[in-house]
Every structure is written in structure tokens, then in C-alpha cells.
C-alpha atoms as a PDB file:
ATOM      1  CA  MET A   1      -7.131 -15.716  24.761  1.00  0.00           C
ATOM      2  CA  ILE A   2      -3.470 -15.387  23.789  1.00  0.00           C
ATOM      3  CA  ALA A   3      -4.109 -17.311  20.580  1.00  0.00           C
ATOM      4  CA  SER A   4      -6.948 -14.951  19.662  1.00  0.00           C
ATOM      5  CA  VAL A   5      -4.691 -11.938  20.269  1.00  0.00           C
ATOM      6  CA  TRP A   6      -2.080 -13.371  17.919  1.00  0.00           C
ATOM      7  CA  ARG A   7      -4.722 -14.042  15.257  1.00  0.00           C
ATOM      8  CA  GLU A   8      -5.920 -10.467  15.538  1.00  0.00           C
ATOM      9  CA  MET A   9      -2.349  -9.183  15.345  1.00  0.00           C
ATOM     10  CA  LEU A  10      -1.870 -11.124  12.120  1.00  0.00           C
ATOM     11  CA  ARG A  11      -5.075  -9.705  10.641  1.00  0.00           C
ATOM     12  CA  LEU A  12      -4.202  -6.145  11.618  1.00  0.00           C
ATOM     13  CA  ALA A  13      -0.770  -6.495  10.010  1.00  0.00           C
ATOM     14  CA  ARG A  14      -2.573  -6.105   6.633  1.00  0.00           C
ATOM     15  CA  PRO A  15      -0.909  -9.074   4.899  1.00  0.00           C
ATOM     16  CA  TRP A  16      -2.022  -7.810   1.480  1.00  0.00           C
ATOM     17  CA  LEU A  17       0.006  -4.621   2.023  1.00  0.00           C
ATOM     18  CA  LEU A  18       3.081  -6.560   3.148  1.00  0.00           C
ATOM     19  CA  ALA A  19       2.805  -8.756   0.038  1.00  0.00           C
ATOM     20  CA  GLY A  20       2.536  -5.601  -2.038  1.00  0.00           C
ATOM     21  CA  MET A  21       5.681  -4.256  -0.409  1.00  0.00           C
ATOM     22  CA  LEU A  22       7.552  -7.363  -1.528  1.00  0.00           C
ATOM     23  CA  LEU A  23       6.312  -6.927  -5.087  1.00  0.00           C
ATOM     24  CA  PHE A  24       6.963  -3.203  -5.440  1.00  0.00           C
ATOM     25  CA  TYR A  25      10.348  -3.389  -3.776  1.00  0.00           C
ATOM     26  CA  ALA A  26      11.184  -6.031  -6.375  1.00  0.00           C
ATOM     27  CA  ILE A  27      10.047  -3.606  -9.090  1.00  0.00           C
ATOM     28  CA  GLY A  28      12.426  -0.915  -7.831  1.00  0.00           C
ATOM     29  CA  ALA A  29      15.413  -3.225  -7.654  1.00  0.00           C
ATOM     30  CA  GLY A  30      14.251  -4.848 -10.887  1.00  0.00           C
ATOM     31  CA  ILE A  31      14.670  -1.544 -12.711  1.00  0.00           C
ATOM     32  CA  ALA A  32      18.329  -1.532 -11.676  1.00  0.00           C
ATOM     33  CA  HIS A  33      18.643  -5.128 -12.897  1.00  0.00           C
ATOM     34  CA  PHE A  34      16.854  -4.257 -16.163  1.00  0.00           C
ATOM     35  CA  LEU A  35      19.392  -1.469 -16.746  1.00  0.00           C
ATOM     36  CA  GLY A  36      22.269  -3.926 -16.369  1.00  0.00           C
ATOM     37  CA  MET A  37      23.380  -3.080 -12.824  1.00  0.00           C
ATOM     38  CA  GLN A  38      24.655  -5.627 -10.341  1.00  0.00           C
ATOM     39  CA  ILE A  39      22.257  -6.229  -7.448  1.00  0.00           C
ATOM     40  CA  ASP A  40      23.733  -6.316  -3.939  1.00  0.00           C
ATOM     41  CA  LEU A  41      21.668  -9.083  -2.334  1.00  0.00           C
ATOM     42  CA  ALA A  42      22.494  -8.082   1.254  1.00  0.00           C
ATOM     43  CA  VAL A  43      21.440  -4.485   0.623  1.00  0.00           C
ATOM     44  CA  TYR A  44      18.322  -5.739  -1.149  1.00  0.00           C
ATOM     45  CA  LEU A  45      17.258  -7.860   1.820  1.00  0.00           C
ATOM     46  CA  LEU A  46      18.059  -5.201   4.421  1.00  0.00           C
ATOM     47  CA  GLY A  47      16.109  -2.566   2.526  1.00  0.00           C
ATOM     48  CA  GLN A  48      13.204  -4.943   2.005  1.00  0.00           C
ATOM     49  CA  ALA A  49      13.096  -5.667   5.722  1.00  0.00           C
ATOM     50  CA  CYS A  50      13.110  -1.930   6.502  1.00  0.00           C
ATOM     51  CA  VAL A  51      10.033  -1.149   4.393  1.00  0.00           C
ATOM     52  CA  LEU A  52       8.181  -4.200   5.723  1.00  0.00           C
ATOM     53  CA  LEU A  53       8.862  -3.108   9.303  1.00  0.00           C
ATOM     54  CA  LEU A  54       7.719   0.425   8.529  1.00  0.00           C
ATOM     55  CA  ALA A  55       4.487  -0.891   7.045  1.00  0.00           C
ATOM     56  CA  LEU A  56       3.967  -3.163  10.038  1.00  0.00           C
ATOM     57  CA  SER A  57       4.560  -0.381  12.546  1.00  0.00           C
ATOM     58  CA  SER A  58       2.179   1.887  10.632  1.00  0.00           C
ATOM     59  CA  ALA A  59      -0.627  -0.677  10.761  1.00  0.00           C
ATOM     60  CA  TYR A  60      -0.140  -1.392  14.467  1.00  0.00           C
ATOM     61  CA  LEU A  61       0.186   2.247  15.542  1.00  0.00           C
ATOM     62  CA  SER A  62      -2.918   3.181  13.577  1.00  0.00           C
ATOM     63  CA  GLU A  63      -4.964   0.470  15.253  1.00  0.00           C
ATOM     64  CA  TYR A  64      -3.512   1.249  18.694  1.00  0.00           C
ATOM     65  CA  PHE A  65      -4.631   4.879  18.573  1.00  0.00           C
ATOM     66  CA  ALA A  66      -7.998   3.789  17.194  1.00  0.00           C
ATOM     67  CA  MET A  67      -8.461   1.459  20.163  1.00  0.00           C
ATOM     68  CA  LEU A  68      -7.922   4.353  22.546  1.00  0.00           C
ATOM     69  CA  GLU A  69     -11.279   5.657  21.292  1.00  0.00           C
ATOM     70  CA  TYR A  70     -13.207   2.646  22.639  1.00  0.00           C
ATOM     71  CA  PRO A  71     -13.961   3.604  26.298  1.00  0.00           C
ATOM     72  CA  VAL A  72     -16.694   0.979  26.736  1.00  0.00           C
ATOM     73  CA  LEU A  73     -14.309  -1.889  26.267  1.00  0.00           C
ATOM     74  CA  LYS A  74     -11.605  -0.207  28.323  1.00  0.00           C
ATOM     75  CA  ARG A  75     -13.957  -0.049  31.322  1.00  0.00           C
ATOM     76  CA  GLY A  76     -14.803  -3.701  30.948  1.00  0.00           C
ATOM     77  CA  GLN A  77     -18.509  -3.143  30.382  1.00  0.00           C
ATOM     78  CA  ASN A  78     -18.570  -5.968  27.823  1.00  0.00           C
ATOM     79  CA  GLY A  79     -17.373  -8.498  30.352  1.00  0.00           C
ATOM     80  CA  PRO A  80     -14.041  -9.075  32.110  1.00  0.00           C
ATOM     81  CA  ASN A  81     -12.721 -11.615  29.613  1.00  0.00           C
ATOM     82  CA  ARG A  82     -13.441  -9.392  26.641  1.00  0.00           C
ATOM     83  CA  ALA A  83     -11.952  -6.364  28.412  1.00  0.00           C
ATOM     84  CA  GLU A  84      -8.809  -8.294  29.326  1.00  0.00           C
ATOM     85  CA  GLU A  85      -8.393  -9.494  25.753  1.00  0.00           C
ATOM     86  CA  PHE A  86      -8.890  -5.935  24.530  1.00  0.00           C
ATOM     87  CA  MET A  87      -6.150  -4.620  26.820  1.00  0.00           C
ATOM     88  CA  ARG A  88      -3.797  -7.454  25.867  1.00  0.00           C
ATOM     89  CA  LEU A  89      -4.259  -6.677  22.199  1.00  0.00           C
ATOM     90  CA  ARG A  90      -3.816  -2.941  22.668  1.00  0.00           C
ATOM     91  CA  ASN A  91      -0.602  -3.406  24.659  1.00  0.00           C
ATOM     92  CA  ALA A  92       0.692  -5.958  22.166  1.00  0.00           C
ATOM     93  CA  LEU A  93       0.081  -3.546  19.279  1.00  0.00           C
ATOM     94  CA  VAL A  94       2.102  -0.690  20.730  1.00  0.00           C
ATOM     95  CA  GLN A  95       4.890  -3.044  21.830  1.00  0.00           C
ATOM     96  CA  ALA A  96       5.051  -4.673  18.384  1.00  0.00           C
ATOM     97  CA  ALA A  97       5.123  -1.258  16.708  1.00  0.00           C
ATOM     98  CA  ALA A  98       7.978  -0.137  18.968  1.00  0.00           C
ATOM     99  CA  VAL A  99       9.936  -3.320  18.261  1.00  0.00           C
ATOM    100  CA  ALA A 100       9.374  -2.949  14.503  1.00  0.00           C
ATOM    101  CA  LEU A 101      10.628   0.654  14.520  1.00  0.00           C
ATOM    102  CA  THR A 102      13.639  -0.267  16.679  1.00  0.00           C
ATOM    103  CA  VAL A 103      14.648  -3.194  14.480  1.00  0.00           C
ATOM    104  CA  GLY A 104      14.109  -1.026  11.408  1.00  0.00           C
ATOM    105  CA  ALA A 105      16.463   1.602  12.840  1.00  0.00           C
ATOM    106  CA  MET A 106      19.091  -1.086  13.497  1.00  0.00           C
ATOM    107  CA  LEU A 107      18.808  -2.348   9.923  1.00  0.00           C
ATOM    108  CA  THR A 108      19.190   1.208   8.642  1.00  0.00           C
ATOM    109  CA  VAL A 109      22.443   1.482  10.587  1.00  0.00           C
ATOM    110  CA  MET A 110      23.588  -1.749   8.932  1.00  0.00           C
ATOM    111  CA  LEU A 111      22.804  -0.213   5.545  1.00  0.00           C
ATOM    112  CA  PHE A 112      24.934   2.780   6.529  1.00  0.00           C
ATOM    113  CA  THR A 113      27.855   0.524   7.428  1.00  0.00           C
ATOM    114  CA  ARG A 114      27.629  -1.132   4.011  1.00  0.00           C
ATOM    115  CA  GLY A 115      27.754   2.278   2.323  1.00  0.00           C
ATOM    116  CA  ALA A 116      24.330   1.769   0.730  1.00  0.00           C
ATOM    117  CA  VAL A 117      22.634   4.777   2.323  1.00  0.00           C
ATOM    118  CA  ASN A 118      23.156   7.850   0.138  1.00  0.00           C
ATOM    119  CA  LEU A 119      21.404  11.206  -0.008  1.00  0.00           C
ATOM    120  CA  THR A 120      18.698   9.886  -2.336  1.00  0.00           C
ATOM    121  CA  ALA A 121      18.044   6.854  -0.139  1.00  0.00           C
ATOM    122  CA  ILE A 122      17.968   9.067   2.972  1.00  0.00           C
ATOM    123  CA  LEU A 123      15.342  11.245   1.276  1.00  0.00           C
ATOM    124  CA  PHE A 124      13.063   8.295   0.499  1.00  0.00           C
ATOM    125  CA  LEU A 125      13.628   6.719   3.921  1.00  0.00           C
ATOM    126  CA  GLY A 126      12.713  10.030   5.537  1.00  0.00           C
ATOM    127  CA  ILE A 127       9.556  10.344   3.439  1.00  0.00           C
ATOM    128  CA  ALA A 128       8.577   6.761   4.267  1.00  0.00           C
ATOM    129  CA  PHE A 129       9.057   7.369   8.004  1.00  0.00           C
ATOM    130  CA  LEU A 130       7.058  10.609   7.904  1.00  0.00           C
ATOM    131  CA  LEU A 131       4.247   8.879   6.018  1.00  0.00           C
ATOM    132  CA  VAL A 132       4.109   6.242   8.753  1.00  0.00           C
ATOM    133  CA  ILE A 133       3.921   8.912  11.474  1.00  0.00           C
ATOM    134  CA  PHE A 134       1.416  11.116   9.654  1.00  0.00           C
ATOM    135  CA  TYR A 135      -0.697   8.081   8.770  1.00  0.00           C
ATOM    136  CA  ALA A 136      -1.010   6.592  12.233  1.00  0.00           C
ATOM    137  CA  VAL A 137      -0.074   9.068  14.975  1.00  0.00           C
ATOM    138  CA  PRO A 138      -2.097  12.061  16.240  1.00  0.00           C
ATOM    139  CA  PRO A 139      -2.655  14.884  15.604  1.00  0.00           C
ATOM    140  CA  LEU A 140      -2.762  14.277  11.835  1.00  0.00           C
ATOM    141  CA  ARG A 141      -3.743  10.588  11.767  1.00  0.00           C
ATOM    142  CA  LEU A 142      -4.362  10.579   8.039  1.00  0.00           C
ATOM    143  CA  ALA A 143      -5.693   7.026   8.367  1.00  0.00           C
ATOM    144  CA  ARG A 144      -8.840   8.499   9.957  1.00  0.00           C
ATOM    145  CA  ASN A 145      -9.173  11.648   7.847  1.00  0.00           C
ATOM    146  CA  GLY A 146     -10.043  10.201   4.452  1.00  0.00           C
ATOM    147  CA  TYR A 147      -6.492  10.245   3.141  1.00  0.00           C
ATOM    148  CA  SER A 148      -5.404   6.737   4.078  1.00  0.00           C
ATOM    149  CA  GLU A 149      -5.782   5.441   0.510  1.00  0.00           C
ATOM    150  CA  LEU A 150      -3.597   8.209  -0.890  1.00  0.00           C
ATOM    151  CA  VAL A 151      -0.901   7.606   1.734  1.00  0.00           C
ATOM    152  CA  THR A 152      -1.049   3.846   1.165  1.00  0.00           C
ATOM    153  CA  ALA A 153      -0.714   4.234  -2.606  1.00  0.00           C
ATOM    154  CA  LEU A 154       2.149   6.718  -2.258  1.00  0.00           C
ATOM    155  CA  PHE A 155       4.045   4.545   0.229  1.00  0.00           C
ATOM    156  CA  LEU A 156       3.440   1.252  -1.566  1.00  0.00           C
ATOM    157  CA  VAL A 157       3.676   2.168  -5.247  1.00  0.00           C
ATOM    158  CA  CYS A 158       5.975   5.208  -5.320  1.00  0.00           C
ATOM    159  CA  ILE A 159       8.282   5.342  -2.289  1.00  0.00           C
ATOM    160  CA  THR A 160       8.983   1.604  -1.928  1.00  0.00           C
ATOM    161  CA  PRO A 161      10.379   1.018  -5.470  1.00  0.00           C
ATOM    162  CA  ALA A 162      12.177   4.370  -5.437  1.00  0.00           C
ATOM    163  CA  LEU A 163      13.932   3.419  -2.196  1.00  0.00           C
ATOM    164  CA  ALA A 164      14.850  -0.012  -3.553  1.00  0.00           C
ATOM    165  CA  TYR A 165      16.384   1.560  -6.649  1.00  0.00           C
ATOM    166  CA  ALA A 166      18.193   4.278  -4.662  1.00  0.00           C
ATOM    167  CA  LEU A 167      19.777   1.756  -2.298  1.00  0.00           C
ATOM    168  CA  GLN A 168      21.236  -0.119  -5.255  1.00  0.00           C
ATOM    169  CA  THR A 169      22.305   2.838  -7.407  1.00  0.00           C
ATOM    170  CA  GLY A 170      22.360   5.991  -5.282  1.00  0.00           C
ATOM    171  CA  GLU A 171      20.064   7.847  -7.697  1.00  0.00           C
ATOM    172  CA  THR A 172      16.643   7.849  -9.346  1.00  0.00           C
ATOM    173  CA  HIS A 173      15.613   7.024 -12.908  1.00  0.00           C
ATOM    174  CA  ARG A 174      12.813   8.095 -15.231  1.00  0.00           C
ATOM    175  CA  LEU A 175      11.582   4.491 -15.431  1.00  0.00           C
ATOM    176  CA  LEU A 176      10.433   4.850 -11.832  1.00  0.00           C
ATOM    177  CA  ILE A 177       7.996   7.584 -12.851  1.00  0.00           C
ATOM    178  CA  LEU A 178       6.906   5.944 -16.098  1.00  0.00           C
ATOM    179  CA  LEU A 179       6.108   2.650 -14.360  1.00  0.00           C
ATOM    180  CA  THR A 180       4.765   3.751 -10.982  1.00  0.00           C
ATOM    181  CA  PHE A 181       2.409   6.577 -11.985  1.00  0.00           C
ATOM    182  CA  PRO A 182      -0.030   4.271 -13.866  1.00  0.00           C
ATOM    183  CA  LEU A 183       0.172   1.754 -11.023  1.00  0.00           C
ATOM    184  CA  THR A 184      -0.572   4.478  -8.456  1.00  0.00           C
ATOM    185  CA  ALA A 185      -3.812   5.413 -10.222  1.00  0.00           C
ATOM    186  CA  MET A 186      -4.757   1.738 -10.463  1.00  0.00           C
ATOM    187  CA  CYS A 187      -4.003   1.214  -6.760  1.00  0.00           C
ATOM    188  CA  ILE A 188      -6.303   4.056  -5.666  1.00  0.00           C
ATOM    189  CA  ALA A 189      -9.041   2.697  -7.954  1.00  0.00           C
ATOM    190  CA  MET A 190      -8.634  -0.728  -6.349  1.00  0.00           C
ATOM    191  CA  LEU A 191      -8.992   0.738  -2.859  1.00  0.00           C
ATOM    192  CA  LEU A 192     -12.105   2.682  -3.880  1.00  0.00           C
ATOM    193  CA  ALA A 193     -13.689  -0.472  -5.302  1.00  0.00           C
ATOM    194  CA  ASP A 194     -12.898  -2.318  -2.086  1.00  0.00           C
ATOM    195  CA  GLU A 195     -14.558   0.383   0.032  1.00  0.00           C
ATOM    196  CA  LEU A 196     -17.813   0.633  -1.906  1.00  0.00           C
ATOM    197  CA  GLU A 197     -19.419  -2.421  -0.293  1.00  0.00           C
ATOM    198  CA  THR A 198     -18.861  -1.064   3.237  1.00  0.00           C
ATOM    199  CA  TYR A 199     -19.854   2.514   2.365  1.00  0.00           C
ATOM    200  CA  ASP A 200     -22.965   2.607   4.589  1.00  0.00           C
ATOM    201  CA  ALA A 201     -21.262   0.740   7.422  1.00  0.00           C
ATOM    202  CA  ASP A 202     -18.302   3.132   7.314  1.00  0.00           C
ATOM    203  CA  ILE A 203     -20.637   6.147   7.548  1.00  0.00           C
ATOM    204  CA  ASN A 204     -22.554   4.643  10.484  1.00  0.00           C
ATOM    205  CA  ALA A 205     -19.301   3.766  12.270  1.00  0.00           C
ATOM    206  CA  GLY A 206     -17.787   7.204  11.641  1.00  0.00           C
ATOM    207  CA  ARG A 207     -14.960   5.838   9.488  1.00  0.00           C
ATOM    208  CA  LYS A 208     -13.904   8.461   6.962  1.00  0.00           C
ATOM    209  CA  THR A 209     -12.547   6.529   4.014  1.00  0.00           C
ATOM    210  CA  LEU A 210     -11.809   8.149   0.670  1.00  0.00           C
ATOM    211  CA  MET A 211     -15.102   6.799  -0.692  1.00  0.00           C
ATOM    212  CA  VAL A 212     -16.962   8.361   2.236  1.00  0.00           C
ATOM    213  CA  ALA A 213     -15.042  11.623   1.870  1.00  0.00           C
ATOM    214  CA  VAL A 214     -15.965  12.115  -1.808  1.00  0.00           C
ATOM    215  CA  GLY A 215     -19.408  10.457  -1.710  1.00  0.00           C
ATOM    216  CA  TRP A 216     -20.462   7.227  -3.374  1.00  0.00           C
ATOM    217  CA  GLN A 217     -21.460   8.759  -6.720  1.00  0.00           C
ATOM    218  CA  ARG A 218     -18.310  10.806  -7.105  1.00  0.00           C
ATOM    219  CA  GLY A 219     -16.287   7.919  -5.745  1.00  0.00           C
ATOM    220  CA  MET A 220     -17.616   5.547  -8.400  1.00  0.00           C
ATOM    221  CA  ASN A 221     -16.927   8.098 -11.133  1.00  0.00           C
ATOM    222  CA  LEU A 222     -13.459   8.720  -9.707  1.00  0.00           C
ATOM    223  CA  HIS A 223     -12.827   4.970  -9.738  1.00  0.00           C
ATOM    224  CA  ASN A 224     -13.623   4.740 -13.447  1.00  0.00           C
ATOM    225  CA  ILE A 225     -11.625   7.861 -14.297  1.00  0.00           C
ATOM    226  CA  LEU A 226      -8.574   6.561 -12.432  1.00  0.00           C
ATOM    227  CA  ILE A 227      -8.572   3.289 -14.373  1.00  0.00           C
ATOM    228  CA  LEU A 228      -8.835   5.080 -17.713  1.00  0.00           C
ATOM    229  CA  PHE A 229      -6.192   7.566 -16.554  1.00  0.00           C
ATOM    230  CA  SER A 230      -3.888   4.695 -15.639  1.00  0.00           C
ATOM    231  CA  TYR A 231      -3.947   3.319 -19.189  1.00  0.00           C
ATOM    232  CA  LEU A 232      -3.638   6.838 -20.588  1.00  0.00           C
ATOM    233  CA  LEU A 233      -0.444   7.193 -18.556  1.00  0.00           C
ATOM    234  CA  VAL A 234       0.793   3.888 -19.987  1.00  0.00           C
ATOM    235  CA  GLY A 235       0.250   5.257 -23.481  1.00  0.00           C
ATOM    236  CA  LEU A 236       2.005   8.488 -22.551  1.00  0.00           C
ATOM    237  CA  ALA A 237       4.901   6.486 -21.112  1.00  0.00           C
ATOM    238  CA  ALA A 238       5.157   4.578 -24.399  1.00  0.00           C
ATOM    239  CA  ALA A 239       5.283   7.920 -26.237  1.00  0.00           C
ATOM    240  CA  LEU A 240       8.098   8.933 -23.892  1.00  0.00           C
ATOM    241  CA  LYS A 241      10.023   5.853 -25.045  1.00  0.00           C
ATOM    242  CA  LEU A 242       9.149   3.376 -22.356  1.00  0.00           C
ATOM    243  CA  PRO A 243      10.474   0.092 -23.791  1.00  0.00           C
ATOM    244  CA  TRP A 244       7.764  -1.989 -25.447  1.00  0.00           C
ATOM    245  CA  SER A 245       8.802  -4.964 -23.327  1.00  0.00           C
ATOM    246  CA  LEU A 246       7.545  -2.989 -20.311  1.00  0.00           C
ATOM    247  CA  THR A 247       4.597  -1.326 -22.041  1.00  0.00           C
ATOM    248  CA  TRP A 248       2.721  -4.391 -23.266  1.00  0.00           C
ATOM    249  CA  PRO A 249       2.518  -6.139 -19.867  1.00  0.00           C
ATOM    250  CA  MET A 250       0.697  -3.094 -18.492  1.00  0.00           C
ATOM    251  CA  LEU A 251      -1.614  -2.852 -21.506  1.00  0.00           C
ATOM    252  CA  ALA A 252      -2.345  -6.582 -21.282  1.00  0.00           C
ATOM    253  CA  THR A 253      -4.543  -5.931 -18.245  1.00  0.00           C
ATOM    254  CA  LEU A 254      -6.790  -3.517 -20.187  1.00  0.00           C
ATOM    255  CA  PRO A 255      -9.661  -6.059 -20.622  1.00  0.00           C
ATOM    256  CA  VAL A 256      -9.697  -6.642 -16.864  1.00  0.00           C
ATOM    257  CA  GLY A 257      -9.686  -2.909 -16.201  1.00  0.00           C
ATOM    258  CA  LEU A 258     -12.551  -2.320 -18.636  1.00  0.00           C
ATOM    259  CA  PHE A 259     -14.521  -5.151 -17.011  1.00  0.00           C
ATOM    260  CA  GLN A 260     -13.972  -3.461 -13.661  1.00  0.00           C
ATOM    261  CA  ILE A 261     -15.335  -0.184 -15.045  1.00  0.00           C
ATOM    262  CA  TRP A 262     -18.339  -2.037 -16.491  1.00  0.00           C
ATOM    263  CA  GLN A 263     -19.132  -3.573 -13.111  1.00  0.00           C
ATOM    264  CA  MET A 264     -19.005  -0.182 -11.429  1.00  0.00           C
ATOM    265  CA  TRP A 265     -21.213   1.293 -14.151  1.00  0.00           C
ATOM    266  CA  GLN A 266     -23.735  -1.519 -13.655  1.00  0.00           C
ATOM    267  CA  ILE A 267     -23.870  -0.829  -9.919  1.00  0.00           C
ATOM    268  CA  SER A 268     -24.364   2.903 -10.506  1.00  0.00           C
ATOM    269  CA  ASN A 269     -27.336   2.045 -12.749  1.00  0.00           C
ATOM    270  CA  GLY A 270     -29.045   0.059 -10.013  1.00  0.00           C
ATOM    271  CA  GLN A 271     -27.933  -3.476 -10.884  1.00  0.00           C
ATOM    272  CA  LYS A 272     -27.446  -5.921  -8.018  1.00  0.00           C
ATOM    273  CA  PRO A 273     -23.799  -5.650  -6.900  1.00  0.00           C
ATOM    274  CA  ARG A 274     -21.574  -8.703  -7.039  1.00  0.00           C
ATOM    275  CA  TRP A 275     -19.139  -7.522  -4.420  1.00  0.00           C
ATOM    276  CA  ARG A 276     -16.829 -10.513  -4.420  1.00  0.00           C
ATOM    277  CA  LEU A 277     -16.410 -10.370  -8.189  1.00  0.00           C
ATOM    278  CA  LEU A 278     -15.774  -6.621  -8.049  1.00  0.00           C
ATOM    279  CA  ARG A 279     -13.082  -7.054  -5.395  1.00  0.00           C
ATOM    280  CA  MET A 280     -11.433  -9.903  -7.270  1.00  0.00           C
ATOM    281  CA  THR A 281     -11.415  -7.859 -10.490  1.00  0.00           C
ATOM    282  CA  ALA A 282      -9.979  -4.809  -8.730  1.00  0.00           C
ATOM    283  CA  TYR A 283      -7.214  -6.844  -7.080  1.00  0.00           C
ATOM    284  CA  ALA A 284      -6.502  -8.632 -10.358  1.00  0.00           C
ATOM    285  CA  SER A 285      -6.211  -5.509 -12.525  1.00  0.00           C
ATOM    286  CA  PHE A 286      -3.748  -3.949 -10.085  1.00  0.00           C
ATOM    287  CA  GLY A 287      -1.911  -7.062  -8.964  1.00  0.00           C
ATOM    288  CA  ILE A 288      -1.457  -8.620 -12.405  1.00  0.00           C
ATOM    289  CA  MET A 289      -0.189  -5.341 -13.843  1.00  0.00           C
ATOM    290  CA  ALA A 290       2.387  -4.998 -11.062  1.00  0.00           C
ATOM    291  CA  TYR A 291       3.404  -8.666 -11.266  1.00  0.00           C
ATOM    292  CA  LEU A 292       3.911  -8.556 -15.043  1.00  0.00           C
ATOM    293  CA  VAL A 293       6.062  -5.447 -14.718  1.00  0.00           C
ATOM    294  CA  ALA A 294       8.205  -7.064 -12.000  1.00  0.00           C
ATOM    295  CA  PHE A 295       8.496 -10.304 -13.965  1.00  0.00           C
ATOM    296  CA  THR A 296       9.601  -8.455 -17.107  1.00  0.00           C
ATOM    297  CA  LEU A 297      12.162  -6.374 -15.223  1.00  0.00           C
ATOM    298  CA  TRP A 298      13.826  -9.426 -13.735  1.00  0.00           C
ATOM    299  CA  THR A 299      13.656 -11.676 -16.783  1.00  0.00           C
ATOM    300  CA  GLY A 300      13.992  -9.173 -19.648  1.00  0.00           C
END
């Protein structure tokens, strides 16, 4: 029973999001490195730990409040063992979230003592904390109101690298906007593609995802528009003098993005969906673009 609770805790931690936090934090600090600034490794690691703990607490708090809506299991009507496991998991989630927030606060104090926390960093830390609260905690609970994808993209792709850069430099830079805006559009498109397969199940279960909120037809069109918009933003960034060494890695994923659009178009025309291929393509177009940007920033 305890082993199953730990397995469920690991699944609910959303490992893909934690991996994304590592990558996008590296992009933020990588911009500072690309601009010739010295990276403070201790500050880097402390800041990285803070955003990971915030993401972890967000996932656990969201699931904890969702579990409060399951009265059948709470009364033990599915059997005593299942009810006991349910209660163990629910208690473990809120305790883990509290520990994550407490440790995160302690690490923030350590950043203060090192002089790394400036007004810009405080702003992004405050936004990140508010996103966690608004995402998971009533009364807003954006995770259940069809806005979870937008909050996830904002936290992962925009706030995380901006915080990493601010902790190292005490300011922001236009490269943050030029690099993260195309990736934000691609991230939302990836999440929409991932939700299409479970569209009917989400409606029947009362889960209001972004795809459910906009409807499957509009959601599929929005998915395609976001991918094209992402590459349009890359072109605009190049026109605004984004270095070519950072432009071409983003454009290199264009064939994958177009293939993703083609798959969605095929599904909209009644072709048999190949869900696994669609998910893999969506993850690849977003993940490869982000990885190539991070790699270029640290090696260029």
C-alpha cells in the first residue's frame, strides 16, 4: 500500500514538467552566459531548486483539492483497503506540498543572504508563487477552469527563464522575449495536441481542459494557428536582430511542426487518429526547439 502511494506521488509530480523546468531554467541562465556574464553556480542551483519545488507544490496541491471532491472514496464505499490508500495519498499530497513550500522559502532566504534576490527577481518569484496558488488553490483553481495550459506555459516558458536570468544579472533582457514567445505558443499547441485524444473522456468526467473549453474543432484550428504563429514570431525575432545562431535552431524544427499540423488536419478530415505519433510529434517540436536553444546558448 505504501509503495503504491509513492508510485502515485511520483506520477502526480508531473515529471515532464519538472524536466521542462530544468531545461527552461537553463535557457534563462544560458542567456546570461551567451552575453558573456559569469554564472554564479550556487545561485543557479538554489534558484533551480526553488522553481522545481514550486512546480511540485503546485501539482500536489491541485491534486489534493481535486481529491476532496471524491466523497465515495472518502466514505470507504469502494472497500476499506482502497479507502485507506486514498486517505494516505491525500494526506501525503498536502504534507509534501507543505514541505516543498517550506523548503522553497528557506532556499529563497539563502538567495537573499547571497545578495542574489533583487527587485526583478522578487517580481518573478512573486508571480511564480501567485501562479502556483491561483492554479491549485480555491476559489480560483485555474487548473479546473480551462486555464491550466495557459498557466503552465506561462510558468514554464516565460517566468522560469526570466527568474533564472534575473537571479544572475538583476535585470531582464530582450532576448528573453524574443526566445520565449515562440516557445510559449509551441507549448500551448503541444498541450492541445495532448488533450485531443482524451477530449470525450474529459467531457464525461467534467474536466475542463483548454480543448474542452474551446471545443474540439476550434481547438484543432487553434493548435495549427499557434504552431504557425510560433514560427512567425521566430521570423519577427530575426527581423528584430535575434542572432542567427539562435534563430536557425528554432527554424530547424519547422518540418516537425508542419508534420504536426498535417496530422491534425488529417484528423479533422476524418482520418483515423494515430494518437501516439501525434503526441510524440508535439513533444518533439516543442522539446527539440527548446533543447537546441539551450544548447546554443551554453555552447555559442
